[in-house]
Amino acid sequence: IAMESGVPVFWMRFLPRISDNCQSFLRRLAKFLVLAGDCRLAQLLVSERHSGYPFPDSTKLDLLVESISRLACLVCFDDWHLVDQESFITSAVSALFRPSACEAPSVAILIMSRRRPTFATFLAYETLSGMTEPDGAVLLAQAGLALPGVLLKSLHQRTSGNPQFMSFFAEWYKHTRPSEHTAACFIDRMPTTEAIRRY
């Protein structure tokens, strides 16, 4: 979706156990706005850092929403569930859906999350399911991997067609070149391996 949008794209993936997701959110959006020709938020943040006196959140929020609303762009947030309780971030994004912000209909927002965002009860959303087995085979082939039918079927069943799990398996397989038995054992362990769940 982002690649086909034809407009500038801002993409931010939130990270777990990061205490300054709010500051990172502001800094990265400020840089994006500078590239779009609007330096006001960046100047405000620099002034705030040099003076040691923070501006009110409402000032930063109003400026951010006003600046983004003027652009023709796509704003994407990945792993939103990690910041769904961060009031500043949710306030900023939900403000972009207000009627006053929607005067610029060319601003689009794409949110990816394990759960529906709590502020977005009024928004349309789509729950993504896993890929079909033939689509999984295509994904693996694009990664340079052609699995025997039995392994492909087992991988698809164990991962429910999850493309991240399947891509992870493809990388592991290409680097280790396992026997069919070793690969089958690895597939059996995949859904219960904590590192793979985090991946």
Protein backbone atom coordinates (compact mmCIF):
# COMPACT_ATOMS: atom_id res chain seq x y z
CA ILE A 1 0.00 0.00 0.00
CA ALA A 2 2.76 2.43 1.00
CA MET A 3 4.84 1.74 -2.11
CA GLU A 4 1.85 2.24 -4.40
CA SER A 5 0.54 5.41 -2.73
CA GLY A 6 2.44 7.79 -5.03
CA VAL A 7 2.87 10.35 -2.21
CA PRO A 8 5.57 10.92 0.44
CA VAL A 9 5.40 8.22 3.10
CA PHE A 10 6.18 8.57 6.79
CA TRP A 11 6.74 5.17 8.40
CA MET A 12 7.38 4.57 12.07
CA ARG A 13 7.62 1.26 13.84
CA PHE A 14 7.24 1.51 17.59
CA LEU A 15 9.59 -0.57 19.71
CA PRO A 16 8.99 -2.49 22.95
CA ARG A 17 10.53 -1.32 26.20
CA ILE A 18 11.45 2.08 24.78
CA SER A 19 10.80 4.80 27.35
CA ASP A 20 10.88 7.68 24.88
CA ASN A 21 8.49 6.53 22.15
CA CYS A 22 6.81 9.94 22.46
CA GLN A 23 10.06 11.85 21.89
CA SER A 24 11.03 9.58 19.03
CA PHE A 25 7.56 10.07 17.53
CA LEU A 26 7.97 13.86 17.63
CA ARG A 27 11.56 13.92 16.35
CA ARG A 28 10.89 11.63 13.43
CA LEU A 29 7.75 13.47 12.38
CA ALA A 30 9.64 16.77 12.68
CA LYS A 31 12.33 15.44 10.30
CA PHE A 32 9.65 14.28 7.88
CA LEU A 33 8.04 17.72 7.97
CA VAL A 34 11.41 19.41 7.33
CA LEU A 35 11.81 17.30 4.18
CA ALA A 36 8.32 18.44 3.19
CA GLY A 37 9.37 22.10 3.67
CA ASP A 38 7.85 22.78 7.09
CA CYS A 39 10.51 23.48 9.73
CA ARG A 40 8.30 24.80 12.51
CA LEU A 41 8.03 21.67 14.64
CA ALA A 42 11.77 20.96 14.31
CA GLN A 43 12.58 24.54 15.35
CA LEU A 44 10.27 24.25 18.34
CA LEU A 45 11.94 21.02 19.48
CA VAL A 46 15.44 22.50 19.06
CA SER A 47 14.40 25.57 21.02
CA GLU A 48 12.94 23.37 23.73
CA ARG A 49 16.14 21.31 23.99
CA HIS A 50 18.43 24.35 24.14
CA SER A 51 16.35 26.27 26.66
CA GLY A 52 15.73 23.30 28.94
CA TYR A 53 12.10 24.37 29.31
CA PRO A 54 9.58 22.10 27.62
CA PHE A 55 6.69 23.59 25.67
CA PRO A 56 3.21 22.43 26.68
CA ASP A 57 2.14 19.21 25.01
CA SER A 58 -0.90 21.02 23.61
CA THR A 59 1.38 23.45 21.72
CA LYS A 60 3.37 20.62 20.16
CA LEU A 61 0.22 18.66 19.40
CA ASP A 62 -1.52 21.57 17.67
CA LEU A 63 1.52 22.36 15.56
CA LEU A 64 2.04 18.72 14.60
CA VAL A 65 -1.59 18.22 13.56
CA GLU A 66 -1.69 21.49 11.64
CA SER A 67 1.54 20.68 9.78
CA ILE A 68 0.61 17.11 8.85
CA SER A 69 -2.89 18.14 7.79
CA ARG A 70 -1.44 20.41 5.10
CA LEU A 71 0.43 17.61 3.35
CA ALA A 72 -0.47 15.10 0.69
CA CYS A 73 1.11 12.08 2.34
CA LEU A 74 0.68 8.65 3.83
CA VAL A 75 1.46 8.30 7.54
CA CYS A 76 2.08 4.71 8.68
CA PHE A 77 2.46 3.39 12.21
CA ASP A 78 3.58 -0.19 12.79
CA ASP A 79 3.23 -2.11 16.08
CA TRP A 80 0.74 0.48 17.33
CA HIS A 81 -0.31 -1.83 20.18
CA LEU A 82 2.96 -0.89 21.95
CA VAL A 83 1.86 2.75 22.32
CA ASP A 84 -1.91 2.37 22.47
CA GLN A 85 -1.89 3.73 26.03
CA GLU A 86 0.50 6.66 25.30
CA SER A 87 -1.88 9.59 25.62
CA PHE A 88 0.20 12.10 23.65
CA ILE A 89 0.68 9.80 20.65
CA THR A 90 -2.94 8.64 20.57
CA SER A 91 -4.15 12.24 20.94
CA ALA A 92 -1.97 13.36 18.04
CA VAL A 93 -3.10 10.60 15.70
CA SER A 94 -6.77 10.73 16.67
CA ALA A 95 -6.70 14.52 16.12
CA LEU A 96 -5.88 13.89 12.47
CA PHE A 97 -9.30 12.29 12.10
CA ARG A 98 -11.19 15.36 13.34
CA PRO A 99 -13.35 17.14 10.77
CA SER A 100 -11.06 20.20 10.83
CA ALA A 101 -8.06 18.02 10.01
CA CYS A 102 -9.94 16.23 7.26
CA GLU A 103 -10.11 19.37 5.12
CA ALA A 104 -6.97 17.95 3.51
CA PRO A 105 -8.38 14.65 2.21
CA SER A 106 -5.01 13.68 0.73
CA VAL A 107 -3.63 12.80 4.19
CA ALA A 108 -4.00 9.06 4.73
CA ILE A 109 -3.14 7.10 7.85
CA LEU A 110 -2.32 3.40 8.00
CA ILE A 111 -2.09 1.78 11.44
CA MET A 112 -0.86 -1.78 11.95
CA SER A 113 -1.46 -3.36 15.32
CA ARG A 114 -2.06 -6.68 17.02
CA ARG A 115 -5.26 -5.17 18.41
CA ARG A 116 -7.71 -2.58 17.19
CA PRO A 117 -6.52 0.85 18.45
CA THR A 118 -8.58 1.92 21.44
CA PHE A 119 -9.14 5.44 20.07
CA ALA A 120 -10.30 4.19 16.66
CA THR A 121 -13.66 2.63 17.43
CA PHE A 122 -15.19 4.65 14.59
CA LEU A 123 -12.69 3.55 11.93
CA ALA A 124 -12.98 0.79 9.38
CA TYR A 125 -10.41 -1.91 9.92
CA GLU A 126 -9.41 -5.22 8.42
CA THR A 127 -8.17 -8.24 10.31
CA LEU A 128 -5.45 -9.95 8.33
CA SER A 129 -5.29 -13.72 8.20
CA GLY A 130 -2.47 -15.96 7.10
CA MET A 131 -1.58 -16.73 3.50
CA THR A 132 -2.91 -19.73 1.63
CA GLU A 133 -0.50 -22.61 1.07
CA PRO A 134 0.02 -21.70 -2.63
CA ASP A 135 0.72 -18.07 -1.67
CA GLY A 136 3.16 -19.32 0.97
CA ALA A 137 4.95 -21.34 -1.70
CA VAL A 138 5.24 -18.19 -3.83
CA LEU A 139 6.66 -16.24 -0.87
CA LEU A 140 9.26 -18.96 -0.25
CA ALA A 141 10.09 -19.12 -3.97
CA GLN A 142 10.68 -15.36 -4.00
CA ALA A 143 13.15 -15.96 -1.16
CA GLY A 144 14.89 -18.58 -3.31
CA LEU A 145 13.47 -21.61 -1.50
CA ALA A 146 11.50 -24.52 -2.95
CA LEU A 147 10.37 -26.86 -0.18
CA PRO A 148 9.25 -30.45 -0.67
CA GLY A 149 5.45 -30.67 -0.55
CA VAL A 150 5.37 -32.38 2.86
CA LEU A 151 7.52 -29.67 4.48
CA LEU A 152 5.53 -26.89 2.83
CA LYS A 153 2.27 -28.34 4.10
CA SER A 154 3.69 -28.77 7.61
CA LEU A 155 5.12 -25.23 7.64
CA HIS A 156 1.82 -23.76 6.49
CA GLN A 157 -0.19 -25.69 9.08
CA ARG A 158 2.13 -24.84 11.99
CA THR A 159 2.40 -21.14 11.15
CA SER A 160 -1.20 -20.68 9.95
CA GLY A 161 0.31 -19.07 6.87
CA ASN A 162 1.89 -16.25 8.88
CA PRO A 163 4.22 -14.51 6.37
CA GLN A 164 6.66 -13.39 9.08
CA PHE A 165 7.08 -16.94 10.38
CA MET A 166 7.45 -18.26 6.85
CA SER A 167 10.04 -15.62 5.96
CA PHE A 168 11.91 -16.39 9.18
CA PHE A 169 11.93 -20.07 8.25
CA ALA A 170 13.20 -19.27 4.75
CA GLU A 171 16.13 -17.27 6.15
CA TRP A 172 17.00 -20.01 8.63
CA TYR A 173 16.78 -22.69 5.93
CA LYS A 174 18.99 -20.81 3.47
CA HIS A 175 21.68 -20.22 6.10
CA THR A 176 21.72 -23.70 7.64
CA ARG A 177 20.85 -25.98 4.68
CA PRO A 178 19.33 -28.59 7.01
CA SER A 179 18.29 -32.13 6.27
CA GLU A 180 14.58 -32.71 5.70
CA HIS A 181 14.32 -34.28 9.16
CA THR A 182 16.03 -31.29 10.85
CA ALA A 183 13.80 -28.89 8.96
CA ALA A 184 10.70 -30.83 10.04
CA CYS A 185 11.85 -30.69 13.69
CA PHE A 186 12.46 -26.94 13.40
CA ILE A 187 8.96 -26.41 11.98
CA ASP A 188 7.46 -28.39 14.86
CA ARG A 189 9.19 -26.06 17.35
CA MET A 190 8.42 -22.77 15.59
CA PRO A 191 5.13 -21.71 17.22
CA THR A 192 6.46 -22.42 20.72
CA THR A 193 9.81 -20.63 20.39
CA GLU A 194 9.65 -17.28 22.19
CA ALA A 195 12.26 -15.63 19.95
CA ILE A 196 10.23 -16.51 16.88
CA ARG A 197 7.04 -15.20 18.49
CA ARG A 198 8.77 -11.86 19.11
CA TYR A 199 10.02 -11.88 15.51
